[in-house]
């Protein structure tokens, strides 16, 4: 497949690029600073762009089979960036007629798993309060994605870790894995690539966790 990856210098984005290349896909990695992308390989195109104008990034998505985005806030002070940058991506994707779009959100934005215990609910409540601006941003981002003309999927991981890819995690379409508290960034990337061709994930939020 021909894939475009936004947020390619982030933890999840780098893993999407690395794993996609290893699987034989052709990858366009959209970055502001190419020096921050350590991934190399045959089939990789590094596309330098500032995501402030949808027309400026149309060339990065034109003719692609799918677009995957790891864009999002890296800290509380960045709240609002997910919606703003994803809006730019949506403008380019819709202008070029690319159908498949996958974006990363977060577990607290989606539904809680059935039978979630008091501890899980309490932890989620505290985290949601502390990071309320970040999650409000992600909710708005999800709403804009859902209103788009794309065949979208929103991937919702819990607390992220820097761990090697395992491929051993749980996914729940339209929900979230029970007691799923952690997942590695590499496995989030793995799940995104697997979901690209999964028809059950079209126009759905997908919870993913160990």
N, C-alpha and C. Protein backbone atom coordinates (compact mmCIF):
# COMPACT_ATOMS: atom_id res chain seq x y z
N UNK A 1 0.84 -1.20 0.00
CA UNK A 1 0.00 0.00 0.00
C UNK A 1 0.87 1.25 0.00
N UNK A 2 0.28 2.34 -0.42
CA UNK A 2 0.93 3.65 -0.35
C UNK A 2 0.30 4.40 0.82
N UNK A 3 1.10 4.69 1.83
CA UNK A 3 0.62 5.27 3.07
C UNK A 3 1.26 6.62 3.31
N UNK A 4 0.49 7.54 3.90
CA UNK A 4 1.05 8.79 4.38
C UNK A 4 0.90 8.84 5.89
N UNK A 5 1.96 9.24 6.58
CA UNK A 5 1.95 9.29 8.04
C UNK A 5 2.20 10.71 8.50
N UNK A 6 1.26 11.26 9.27
CA UNK A 6 1.43 12.56 9.91
C UNK A 6 1.85 12.35 11.36
N UNK A 7 2.59 13.30 11.90
CA UNK A 7 3.15 13.11 13.23
C UNK A 7 4.24 12.06 13.22
N UNK A 8 4.98 12.00 12.12
CA UNK A 8 5.93 10.90 11.91
C UNK A 8 7.16 10.98 12.80
N UNK A 9 7.38 12.12 13.45
CA UNK A 9 8.53 12.21 14.36
C UNK A 9 8.16 11.89 15.80
N UNK A 10 6.87 11.69 16.07
CA UNK A 10 6.42 11.32 17.41
C UNK A 10 6.64 9.85 17.69
N UNK A 11 6.41 9.45 18.94
CA UNK A 11 6.66 8.06 19.33
C UNK A 11 5.85 7.05 18.55
N UNK A 12 4.56 7.30 18.40
CA UNK A 12 3.71 6.38 17.64
C UNK A 12 3.98 6.52 16.14
N UNK A 13 4.10 7.76 15.67
CA UNK A 13 4.32 7.99 14.24
C UNK A 13 5.58 7.34 13.73
N UNK A 14 6.68 7.44 14.48
CA UNK A 14 7.92 6.79 14.06
C UNK A 14 7.74 5.29 13.93
N UNK A 15 7.00 4.70 14.86
CA UNK A 15 6.78 3.26 14.81
C UNK A 15 5.89 2.87 13.63
N UNK A 16 4.92 3.69 13.32
CA UNK A 16 4.09 3.41 12.14
C UNK A 16 4.96 3.39 10.89
N UNK A 17 5.83 4.40 10.77
CA UNK A 17 6.72 4.47 9.60
C UNK A 17 7.63 3.26 9.56
N UNK A 18 8.27 2.95 10.66
CA UNK A 18 9.23 1.83 10.72
C UNK A 18 8.56 0.49 10.38
N UNK A 19 7.42 0.23 11.00
CA UNK A 19 6.76 -1.05 10.78
C UNK A 19 6.15 -1.14 9.38
N UNK A 20 5.65 -0.04 8.88
CA UNK A 20 5.07 -0.05 7.53
C UNK A 20 6.15 -0.34 6.49
N UNK A 21 7.32 0.27 6.65
CA UNK A 21 8.42 0.00 5.72
C UNK A 21 8.85 -1.46 5.81
N UNK A 22 8.92 -1.99 7.03
CA UNK A 22 9.32 -3.38 7.21
C UNK A 22 8.33 -4.34 6.56
N UNK A 23 7.07 -3.92 6.48
CA UNK A 23 6.04 -4.76 5.85
C UNK A 23 5.99 -4.59 4.34
N UNK A 24 6.84 -3.71 3.80
CA UNK A 24 6.91 -3.55 2.36
C UNK A 24 6.04 -2.45 1.77
N UNK A 25 5.45 -1.63 2.63
CA UNK A 25 4.63 -0.53 2.12
C UNK A 25 5.51 0.64 1.68
N UNK A 26 4.95 1.48 0.83
CA UNK A 26 5.60 2.74 0.46
C UNK A 26 5.04 3.82 1.38
N UNK A 27 5.93 4.56 2.02
CA UNK A 27 5.51 5.46 3.09
C UNK A 27 5.98 6.88 2.83
N UNK A 28 5.04 7.82 2.93
CA UNK A 28 5.37 9.24 2.92
C UNK A 28 5.25 9.75 4.35
N UNK A 29 6.36 10.17 4.93
CA UNK A 29 6.38 10.67 6.30
C UNK A 29 6.38 12.19 6.26
N UNK A 30 5.32 12.80 6.77
CA UNK A 30 5.19 14.26 6.75
C UNK A 30 5.79 14.82 8.04
N UNK A 31 6.79 15.69 7.91
CA UNK A 31 7.50 16.23 9.07
C UNK A 31 7.78 17.71 8.86
N UNK A 32 8.00 18.41 9.96
CA UNK A 32 8.48 19.79 9.87
C UNK A 32 10.00 19.84 9.80
N UNK A 33 10.65 18.92 10.52
CA UNK A 33 12.11 18.89 10.56
C UNK A 33 12.59 17.48 10.24
N UNK A 34 13.07 17.23 9.03
CA UNK A 34 13.52 15.88 8.65
C UNK A 34 14.61 15.33 9.57
N UNK A 35 15.38 16.18 10.20
CA UNK A 35 16.45 15.71 11.09
C UNK A 35 15.92 14.99 12.31
N UNK A 36 14.65 15.19 12.63
CA UNK A 36 14.06 14.55 13.81
C UNK A 36 13.49 13.17 13.49
N UNK A 37 13.58 12.74 12.25
CA UNK A 37 13.09 11.40 11.87
C UNK A 37 14.27 10.48 11.66
N UNK A 38 14.53 9.56 12.60
CA UNK A 38 15.69 8.68 12.48
C UNK A 38 15.45 7.47 11.59
N UNK A 39 14.21 7.26 11.18
CA UNK A 39 13.87 6.08 10.40
C UNK A 39 14.31 6.26 8.95
N UNK A 40 14.92 5.24 8.38
CA UNK A 40 15.30 5.24 6.97
C UNK A 40 14.87 3.92 6.36
N UNK A 41 14.90 3.86 5.05
CA UNK A 41 14.58 2.59 4.40
C UNK A 41 14.07 2.78 3.00
N UNK A 42 14.18 1.73 2.22
CA UNK A 42 13.66 1.75 0.85
C UNK A 42 12.15 1.91 0.90
N UNK A 43 11.65 2.78 0.04
CA UNK A 43 10.21 3.02 0.01
C UNK A 43 9.77 4.20 0.85
N UNK A 44 10.73 4.89 1.50
CA UNK A 44 10.38 6.03 2.35
C UNK A 44 10.59 7.34 1.61
N UNK A 45 9.56 8.18 1.65
CA UNK A 45 9.66 9.56 1.18
C UNK A 45 9.44 10.48 2.38
N UNK A 46 10.39 11.35 2.64
CA UNK A 46 10.24 12.33 3.71
C UNK A 46 9.73 13.63 3.10
N UNK A 47 8.54 14.03 3.53
CA UNK A 47 7.85 15.19 2.96
C UNK A 47 7.85 16.31 3.99
N UNK A 48 8.59 17.36 3.71
CA UNK A 48 8.70 18.47 4.66
C UNK A 48 7.54 19.43 4.46
N UNK A 49 6.78 19.70 5.55
CA UNK A 49 5.63 20.60 5.43
C UNK A 49 5.28 21.16 6.80
N UNK A 50 4.78 22.38 6.79
CA UNK A 50 4.22 23.01 7.98
C UNK A 50 2.71 22.87 7.86
N UNK A 51 2.10 22.22 8.83
CA UNK A 51 0.67 21.90 8.71
C UNK A 51 -0.21 23.10 9.09
N UNK A 52 -0.06 24.16 8.35
CA UNK A 52 -0.89 25.34 8.58
C UNK A 52 -1.86 25.62 7.44
N UNK A 53 -1.68 24.90 6.33
CA UNK A 53 -2.50 25.13 5.13
C UNK A 53 -2.82 23.81 4.46
N UNK A 54 -4.11 23.42 4.39
CA UNK A 54 -4.46 22.15 3.77
C UNK A 54 -3.92 21.99 2.35
N UNK A 55 -3.91 23.07 1.59
CA UNK A 55 -3.43 22.98 0.21
C UNK A 55 -1.95 22.63 0.15
N UNK A 56 -1.21 23.01 1.19
CA UNK A 56 0.23 22.78 1.19
C UNK A 56 0.59 21.32 1.39
N UNK A 57 -0.33 20.55 1.95
CA UNK A 57 -0.03 19.13 2.22
C UNK A 57 -0.80 18.18 1.31
N UNK A 58 -1.53 18.73 0.34
CA UNK A 58 -2.29 17.86 -0.56
C UNK A 58 -1.39 16.91 -1.33
N UNK A 59 -0.22 17.39 -1.70
CA UNK A 59 0.70 16.53 -2.46
C UNK A 59 1.16 15.35 -1.63
N UNK A 60 1.15 15.48 -0.31
CA UNK A 60 1.60 14.39 0.55
C UNK A 60 0.58 13.26 0.64
N UNK A 61 -0.67 13.54 0.32
CA UNK A 61 -1.72 12.52 0.44
C UNK A 61 -2.30 12.10 -0.90
N UNK A 62 -1.99 12.84 -1.94
CA UNK A 62 -2.57 12.53 -3.26
C UNK A 62 -2.19 11.13 -3.72
N UNK A 63 -3.19 10.35 -4.11
CA UNK A 63 -2.95 9.02 -4.64
C UNK A 63 -2.62 7.96 -3.60
N UNK A 64 -2.71 8.29 -2.31
CA UNK A 64 -2.40 7.31 -1.27
C UNK A 64 -3.60 6.41 -0.97
N UNK A 65 -3.29 5.22 -0.47
CA UNK A 65 -4.35 4.28 -0.10
C UNK A 65 -4.91 4.58 1.28
N UNK A 66 -4.09 5.13 2.15
CA UNK A 66 -4.54 5.44 3.50
C UNK A 66 -3.64 6.49 4.11
N UNK A 67 -4.22 7.25 5.05
CA UNK A 67 -3.48 8.25 5.81
C UNK A 67 -3.59 7.88 7.29
N UNK A 68 -2.45 7.86 7.98
CA UNK A 68 -2.42 7.54 9.40
C UNK A 68 -1.82 8.72 10.15
N UNK A 69 -2.45 9.12 11.24
CA UNK A 69 -2.00 10.30 11.97
C UNK A 69 -1.74 9.99 13.44
N UNK A 70 -0.56 10.38 13.88
CA UNK A 70 -0.21 10.32 15.30
C UNK A 70 -0.15 11.70 15.90
N UNK A 71 -0.78 12.70 15.27
CA UNK A 71 -0.74 14.07 15.74
C UNK A 71 -1.47 14.21 17.07
N UNK A 72 -0.91 15.03 17.95
CA UNK A 72 -1.55 15.26 19.23
C UNK A 72 -0.66 16.06 20.15
N UNK A 73 -1.23 16.47 21.28
CA UNK A 73 -0.50 17.26 22.26
C UNK A 73 0.56 16.42 22.96
N UNK A 74 1.73 16.98 23.14
CA UNK A 74 2.79 16.31 23.89
C UNK A 74 2.79 16.72 25.36
N UNK A 75 2.05 17.78 25.67
CA UNK A 75 1.92 18.24 27.05
C UNK A 75 0.62 19.03 27.16
N UNK A 76 0.24 19.38 28.39
CA UNK A 76 -1.01 20.11 28.61
C UNK A 76 -1.02 21.45 27.89
N UNK A 77 0.14 22.09 27.80
CA UNK A 77 0.18 23.41 27.15
C UNK A 77 -0.08 23.33 25.65
N UNK A 78 -0.02 22.12 25.09
CA UNK A 78 -0.28 21.95 23.66
C UNK A 78 -1.74 21.65 23.36
N UNK A 79 -2.60 21.69 24.37
CA UNK A 79 -4.01 21.37 24.16
C UNK A 79 -4.58 22.26 23.05
N UNK A 80 -5.29 21.64 22.14
CA UNK A 80 -5.86 22.33 20.99
C UNK A 80 -5.16 21.97 19.69
N UNK A 81 -3.96 21.44 19.82
CA UNK A 81 -3.17 21.16 18.61
C UNK A 81 -3.73 19.97 17.82
N UNK A 82 -4.32 18.99 18.51
CA UNK A 82 -4.83 17.81 17.80
C UNK A 82 -5.95 18.20 16.84
N UNK A 83 -6.88 19.00 17.32
CA UNK A 83 -7.98 19.43 16.46
C UNK A 83 -7.48 20.30 15.32
N UNK A 84 -6.63 21.26 15.64
CA UNK A 84 -6.16 22.19 14.62
C UNK A 84 -5.38 21.49 13.51
N UNK A 85 -4.45 20.63 13.87
CA UNK A 85 -3.65 19.96 12.86
C UNK A 85 -4.45 18.90 12.11
N UNK A 86 -5.33 18.20 12.82
CA UNK A 86 -6.14 17.19 12.14
C UNK A 86 -7.11 17.83 11.16
N UNK A 87 -7.56 19.03 11.47
CA UNK A 87 -8.42 19.77 10.53
C UNK A 87 -7.67 20.02 9.22
N UNK A 88 -6.40 20.33 9.33
CA UNK A 88 -5.58 20.52 8.13
C UNK A 88 -5.48 19.23 7.33
N UNK A 89 -5.23 18.13 8.03
CA UNK A 89 -5.14 16.83 7.37
C UNK A 89 -6.45 16.49 6.67
N UNK A 90 -7.56 16.71 7.35
CA UNK A 90 -8.87 16.41 6.76
C UNK A 90 -9.10 17.23 5.50
N UNK A 91 -8.70 18.50 5.52
CA UNK A 91 -8.87 19.32 4.33
C UNK A 91 -8.12 18.76 3.14
N UNK A 92 -6.88 18.31 3.38
CA UNK A 92 -6.08 17.76 2.30
C UNK A 92 -6.62 16.41 1.83
N UNK A 93 -6.99 15.56 2.77
CA UNK A 93 -7.50 14.22 2.45
C UNK A 93 -8.78 14.31 1.63
N UNK A 94 -9.70 15.16 2.07
CA UNK A 94 -10.98 15.27 1.36
C UNK A 94 -10.79 15.92 -0.02
N UNK A 95 -9.89 16.88 -0.11
CA UNK A 95 -9.64 17.52 -1.40
C UNK A 95 -9.08 16.54 -2.41
N UNK A 96 -8.28 15.57 -1.95
CA UNK A 96 -7.66 14.59 -2.85
C UNK A 96 -8.47 13.30 -2.98
N UNK A 97 -9.57 13.19 -2.25
CA UNK A 97 -10.43 12.01 -2.38
C UNK A 97 -9.86 10.75 -1.77
N UNK A 98 -8.97 10.89 -0.79
CA UNK A 98 -8.44 9.71 -0.08
C UNK A 98 -9.50 9.25 0.91
N UNK A 99 -9.84 7.97 0.89
CA UNK A 99 -10.94 7.48 1.71
C UNK A 99 -10.52 7.05 3.12
N UNK A 100 -9.40 6.35 3.24
CA UNK A 100 -9.07 5.70 4.52
C UNK A 100 -8.23 6.61 5.39
N UNK A 101 -8.69 6.83 6.63
CA UNK A 101 -8.01 7.70 7.58
C UNK A 101 -8.05 7.07 8.97
N UNK A 102 -6.89 6.98 9.61
CA UNK A 102 -6.79 6.50 10.99
C UNK A 102 -6.08 7.55 11.83
N UNK A 103 -6.64 7.86 13.00
CA UNK A 103 -6.05 8.84 13.89
C UNK A 103 -5.96 8.27 15.30
N UNK A 104 -5.03 8.81 16.08
CA UNK A 104 -4.87 8.38 17.47
C UNK A 104 -5.57 9.37 18.39
N UNK A 105 -6.37 8.84 19.31
CA UNK A 105 -7.00 9.65 20.34
C UNK A 105 -6.52 9.11 21.70
N UNK A 106 -7.42 8.89 22.64
CA UNK A 106 -7.03 8.37 23.95
C UNK A 106 -8.20 7.66 24.60
N UNK A 107 -7.91 6.68 25.43
CA UNK A 107 -8.93 5.85 26.05
C UNK A 107 -10.00 6.65 26.81
N UNK A 108 -9.64 7.67 27.60
CA UNK A 108 -10.67 8.39 28.36
C UNK A 108 -11.69 9.11 27.51
N UNK A 109 -11.41 9.29 26.22
CA UNK A 109 -12.35 9.98 25.34
C UNK A 109 -13.49 9.06 24.92
N UNK A 110 -13.25 7.76 24.91
CA UNK A 110 -14.25 6.79 24.48
C UNK A 110 -15.03 6.21 25.65
N UNK A 111 -15.88 5.24 25.36
CA UNK A 111 -16.70 4.61 26.41
C UNK A 111 -15.85 3.74 27.33
N UNK A 112 -16.24 3.68 28.60
CA UNK A 112 -15.57 2.79 29.53
C UNK A 112 -16.00 1.36 29.27
N UNK A 113 -15.13 0.39 29.56
CA UNK A 113 -15.50 -1.00 29.36
C UNK A 113 -16.62 -1.42 30.30
N UNK A 114 -17.44 -2.34 29.84
CA UNK A 114 -18.49 -2.86 30.70
C UNK A 114 -17.88 -3.55 31.91
N UNK A 115 -18.44 -3.29 33.07
CA UNK A 115 -17.94 -3.93 34.28
C UNK A 115 -16.68 -3.31 34.83
N UNK A 116 -16.36 -2.08 34.41
CA UNK A 116 -15.16 -1.42 34.94
C UNK A 116 -15.29 -1.26 36.45
N UNK A 117 -14.24 -1.63 37.18
CA UNK A 117 -14.27 -1.57 38.63
C UNK A 117 -14.12 -0.16 39.16
N UNK A 118 -14.31 -0.03 40.49
CA UNK A 118 -14.22 1.27 41.12
C UNK A 118 -12.83 1.89 40.96
N UNK A 119 -11.78 1.05 41.04
CA UNK A 119 -10.43 1.56 40.92
C UNK A 119 -10.20 2.15 39.53
N UNK A 120 -10.61 1.40 38.51
CA UNK A 120 -10.43 1.90 37.14
C UNK A 120 -11.21 3.19 36.91
N UNK A 121 -12.43 3.24 37.45
CA UNK A 121 -13.24 4.45 37.28
C UNK A 121 -12.62 5.64 38.02
N UNK A 122 -12.08 5.37 39.21
CA UNK A 122 -11.47 6.44 39.99
C UNK A 122 -10.21 6.98 39.29
N UNK A 123 -9.38 6.06 38.81
CA UNK A 123 -8.16 6.48 38.10
C UNK A 123 -8.51 7.28 36.86
N UNK A 124 -9.51 6.79 36.10
CA UNK A 124 -9.92 7.49 34.89
C UNK A 124 -10.45 8.88 35.22
N UNK A 125 -11.19 8.98 36.32
CA UNK A 125 -11.74 10.27 36.72
C UNK A 125 -10.65 11.28 37.05
N UNK A 126 -9.63 10.82 37.78
CA UNK A 126 -8.53 11.71 38.15
C UNK A 126 -7.75 12.15 36.91
N UNK A 127 -7.42 11.18 36.05
CA UNK A 127 -6.67 11.49 34.84
C UNK A 127 -7.45 12.45 33.94
N UNK A 128 -8.74 12.22 33.81
CA UNK A 128 -9.57 13.06 32.97
C UNK A 128 -9.65 14.48 33.51
N UNK A 129 -9.63 14.61 34.83
CA UNK A 129 -9.67 15.94 35.45
C UNK A 129 -8.35 16.68 35.22
N UNK A 130 -7.26 15.99 35.46
CA UNK A 130 -5.94 16.62 35.32
C UNK A 130 -5.68 17.04 33.87
N UNK A 131 -6.07 16.19 32.94
CA UNK A 131 -5.79 16.45 31.52
C UNK A 131 -7.05 16.85 30.76
N UNK A 132 -7.96 17.54 31.44
CA UNK A 132 -9.26 17.83 30.82
C UNK A 132 -9.14 18.64 29.53
N UNK A 133 -8.17 19.57 29.47
CA UNK A 133 -8.02 20.37 28.25
C UNK A 133 -7.54 19.51 27.08
N UNK A 134 -6.63 18.58 27.37
CA UNK A 134 -6.12 17.69 26.33
C UNK A 134 -7.23 16.80 25.81
N UNK A 135 -8.04 16.25 26.72
CA UNK A 135 -9.11 15.35 26.30
C UNK A 135 -10.25 16.10 25.61
N UNK A 136 -10.49 17.35 26.03
CA UNK A 136 -11.49 18.16 25.32
C UNK A 136 -11.05 18.38 23.87
N UNK A 137 -9.76 18.61 23.70
CA UNK A 137 -9.20 18.76 22.35
C UNK A 137 -9.41 17.49 21.54
N UNK A 138 -9.14 16.34 22.14
CA UNK A 138 -9.29 15.07 21.42
C UNK A 138 -10.76 14.78 21.09
N UNK A 139 -11.67 15.16 21.99
CA UNK A 139 -13.10 14.96 21.69
C UNK A 139 -13.52 15.80 20.50
N UNK A 140 -13.04 17.03 20.46
CA UNK A 140 -13.37 17.88 19.32
C UNK A 140 -12.76 17.33 18.03
N UNK A 141 -11.52 16.84 18.14
CA UNK A 141 -10.88 16.23 16.98
C UNK A 141 -11.68 15.04 16.48
N UNK A 142 -12.10 14.16 17.40
CA UNK A 142 -12.89 12.99 17.01
C UNK A 142 -14.18 13.41 16.33
N UNK A 143 -14.82 14.46 16.84
CA UNK A 143 -16.08 14.92 16.25
C UNK A 143 -15.87 15.40 14.82
N UNK A 144 -14.77 16.11 14.58
CA UNK A 144 -14.51 16.58 13.22
C UNK A 144 -14.20 15.42 12.28
N UNK A 145 -13.45 14.45 12.77
CA UNK A 145 -13.16 13.27 11.96
C UNK A 145 -14.44 12.53 11.62
N UNK A 146 -15.32 12.37 12.62
CA UNK A 146 -16.58 11.64 12.41
C UNK A 146 -17.50 12.34 11.41
N UNK A 147 -17.39 13.65 11.32
CA UNK A 147 -18.23 14.41 10.38
C UNK A 147 -17.65 14.41 8.97
N UNK A 148 -16.46 13.90 8.81
CA UNK A 148 -15.78 13.95 7.51
C UNK A 148 -16.36 12.91 6.55
N UNK A 149 -15.95 13.01 5.30
CA UNK A 149 -16.40 12.08 4.27
C UNK A 149 -15.51 10.85 4.17
N UNK A 150 -14.57 10.70 5.10
CA UNK A 150 -13.61 9.61 5.03
C UNK A 150 -14.15 8.33 5.65
N UNK A 151 -13.49 7.22 5.36
CA UNK A 151 -13.72 5.96 6.07
C UNK A 151 -12.74 5.95 7.24
N UNK A 152 -13.14 6.59 8.33
CA UNK A 152 -12.23 6.86 9.43
C UNK A 152 -12.24 5.76 10.49
N UNK A 153 -11.16 5.73 11.24
CA UNK A 153 -11.06 4.92 12.45
C UNK A 153 -10.29 5.73 13.49
N UNK A 154 -10.82 5.80 14.69
CA UNK A 154 -10.14 6.46 15.80
C UNK A 154 -9.60 5.38 16.73
N UNK A 155 -8.30 5.39 16.97
CA UNK A 155 -7.66 4.40 17.84
C UNK A 155 -7.44 5.03 19.22
N UNK A 156 -7.94 4.38 20.27
CA UNK A 156 -7.91 4.96 21.62
C UNK A 156 -7.08 4.10 22.57
N UNK A 157 -5.80 4.43 22.75
CA UNK A 157 -4.97 3.70 23.69
C UNK A 157 -5.04 4.30 25.10
N UNK A 158 -4.66 3.52 26.13
CA UNK A 158 -4.53 4.04 27.48
C UNK A 158 -3.14 4.64 27.67
N UNK A 159 -2.60 4.57 28.88
CA UNK A 159 -1.27 5.11 29.16
C UNK A 159 -0.22 4.44 28.27
N UNK A 160 0.62 5.27 27.65
CA UNK A 160 1.58 4.78 26.67
C UNK A 160 2.94 4.48 27.31
N UNK A 161 3.59 3.45 26.78
CA UNK A 161 4.92 3.06 27.22
C UNK A 161 5.85 2.96 26.02
N UNK A 162 7.14 3.12 26.28
CA UNK A 162 8.15 2.88 25.25
C UNK A 162 8.64 1.44 25.39
N UNK A 163 8.05 0.56 24.61
CA UNK A 163 8.38 -0.87 24.64
C UNK A 163 8.45 -1.40 23.22
N UNK A 164 9.22 -2.45 22.99
CA UNK A 164 9.26 -3.05 21.65
C UNK A 164 7.89 -3.61 21.26
N UNK A 165 7.66 -3.70 19.97
CA UNK A 165 6.39 -4.25 19.49
C UNK A 165 6.28 -5.72 19.91
N UNK A 166 5.09 -6.08 20.37
CA UNK A 166 4.83 -7.47 20.77
C UNK A 166 3.74 -8.12 19.91
N UNK A 167 2.81 -7.30 19.43
CA UNK A 167 1.67 -7.85 18.70
C UNK A 167 0.66 -8.53 19.61
N UNK A 168 0.92 -8.51 20.91
CA UNK A 168 0.02 -9.16 21.88
C UNK A 168 -0.74 -8.09 22.66
N UNK A 169 -1.87 -7.72 22.16
CA UNK A 169 -2.72 -6.72 22.79
C UNK A 169 -4.16 -7.02 22.41
N UNK A 170 -5.08 -6.34 23.06
CA UNK A 170 -6.51 -6.56 22.81
C UNK A 170 -7.10 -5.33 22.13
N UNK A 171 -8.03 -5.57 21.23
CA UNK A 171 -8.77 -4.47 20.60
C UNK A 171 -10.27 -4.70 20.77
N UNK A 172 -10.99 -3.62 20.96
CA UNK A 172 -12.45 -3.68 21.07
C UNK A 172 -13.03 -2.58 20.17
N UNK A 173 -13.73 -2.98 19.15
CA UNK A 173 -14.38 -2.02 18.26
C UNK A 173 -15.61 -1.44 18.96
N UNK A 174 -15.65 -0.12 19.06
CA UNK A 174 -16.78 0.54 19.71
C UNK A 174 -16.71 0.52 21.22
N UNK A 175 -15.59 0.09 21.78
CA UNK A 175 -15.45 0.03 23.23
C UNK A 175 -14.01 0.06 23.65
N UNK A 176 -13.73 -0.59 24.79
CA UNK A 176 -12.37 -0.59 25.31
C UNK A 176 -12.13 -1.87 26.09
N UNK A 177 -10.92 -2.46 26.01
CA UNK A 177 -10.63 -3.70 26.73
C UNK A 177 -10.74 -3.53 28.24
N UNK A 178 -11.38 -4.49 28.88
CA UNK A 178 -11.54 -4.47 30.34
C UNK A 178 -10.17 -4.48 31.02
N UNK A 179 -9.99 -3.58 31.98
CA UNK A 179 -8.75 -3.47 32.76
C UNK A 179 -7.53 -3.23 31.88
N UNK A 180 -7.75 -2.58 30.76
CA UNK A 180 -6.64 -2.24 29.87
C UNK A 180 -6.03 -0.92 30.29
N UNK A 181 -4.91 -0.97 30.97
CA UNK A 181 -4.33 0.24 31.56
C UNK A 181 -3.08 0.73 30.86
N UNK A 182 -2.43 -0.12 30.08
CA UNK A 182 -1.16 0.23 29.46
C UNK A 182 -1.06 -0.34 28.05
N UNK A 183 -0.22 0.28 27.24
CA UNK A 183 0.17 -0.30 25.96
C UNK A 183 1.42 0.44 25.45
N UNK A 184 2.26 -0.27 24.73
CA UNK A 184 3.44 0.35 24.15
C UNK A 184 3.10 1.11 22.88
N UNK A 185 3.83 2.18 22.65
CA UNK A 185 3.61 2.97 21.43
C UNK A 185 3.79 2.11 20.17
N UNK A 186 4.75 1.20 20.23
CA UNK A 186 4.99 0.34 19.07
C UNK A 186 3.79 -0.55 18.78
N UNK A 187 3.09 -1.00 19.82
CA UNK A 187 1.92 -1.84 19.60
C UNK A 187 0.71 -1.02 19.16
N UNK A 188 0.64 0.24 19.56
CA UNK A 188 -0.41 1.11 19.01
C UNK A 188 -0.21 1.25 17.50
N UNK A 189 1.04 1.46 17.10
CA UNK A 189 1.36 1.55 15.67
C UNK A 189 1.00 0.25 14.96
N UNK A 190 1.33 -0.87 15.58
CA UNK A 190 1.01 -2.18 15.00
C UNK A 190 -0.49 -2.33 14.79
N UNK A 191 -1.27 -1.91 15.79
CA UNK A 191 -2.73 -2.02 15.69
C UNK A 191 -3.26 -1.13 14.58
N UNK A 192 -2.70 0.06 14.43
CA UNK A 192 -3.17 0.97 13.38
C UNK A 192 -2.96 0.37 12.00
N UNK A 193 -1.80 -0.21 11.78
CA UNK A 193 -1.52 -0.82 10.48
C UNK A 193 -2.44 -2.01 10.23
N UNK A 194 -2.75 -2.77 11.27
CA UNK A 194 -3.66 -3.91 11.12
C UNK A 194 -5.08 -3.44 10.82
N UNK A 195 -5.47 -2.30 11.40
CA UNK A 195 -6.83 -1.81 11.24
C UNK A 195 -7.08 -1.15 9.89
N UNK A 196 -6.02 -0.80 9.19
CA UNK A 196 -6.18 -0.14 7.88
C UNK A 196 -7.10 -0.95 6.97
N UNK A 197 -6.95 -2.27 6.99
CA UNK A 197 -7.71 -3.13 6.08
C UNK A 197 -8.83 -3.91 6.78
N UNK A 198 -9.18 -3.50 8.00
CA UNK A 198 -10.22 -4.20 8.75
C UNK A 198 -11.56 -3.50 8.54
N UNK A 199 -12.50 -4.12 7.80
CA UNK A 199 -13.77 -3.45 7.52
C UNK A 199 -14.61 -3.21 8.77
N UNK A 200 -14.39 -4.00 9.82
CA UNK A 200 -15.16 -3.82 11.05
C UNK A 200 -14.81 -2.51 11.76
N UNK A 201 -13.64 -1.94 11.42
CA UNK A 201 -13.19 -0.72 12.09
C UNK A 201 -13.62 0.55 11.38
N UNK A 202 -14.30 0.44 10.25
CA UNK A 202 -14.69 1.63 9.50
C UNK A 202 -15.70 2.46 10.29
N UNK A 203 -15.40 3.75 10.39
CA UNK A 203 -16.26 4.71 11.08
C UNK A 203 -16.53 4.27 12.53
N UNK A 204 -15.47 3.83 13.19
CA UNK A 204 -15.57 3.33 14.56
C UNK A 204 -14.40 3.84 15.41
N UNK A 205 -14.65 3.95 16.71
CA UNK A 205 -13.57 4.09 17.66
C UNK A 205 -13.16 2.70 18.10
N UNK A 206 -11.85 2.50 18.25
CA UNK A 206 -11.33 1.18 18.62
C UNK A 206 -10.42 1.33 19.83
N UNK A 207 -10.79 0.69 20.94
CA UNK A 207 -9.95 0.69 22.11
C UNK A 207 -8.87 -0.38 21.96
N UNK A 208 -7.65 -0.04 22.38
CA UNK A 208 -6.54 -0.98 22.25
C UNK A 208 -5.70 -0.92 23.52
N UNK A 209 -5.38 -2.09 24.08
CA UNK A 209 -4.61 -2.15 25.33
C UNK A 209 -4.10 -3.55 25.55
N UNK A 210 -3.11 -3.68 26.46
CA UNK A 210 -2.63 -5.00 26.86
C UNK A 210 -3.68 -5.68 27.72
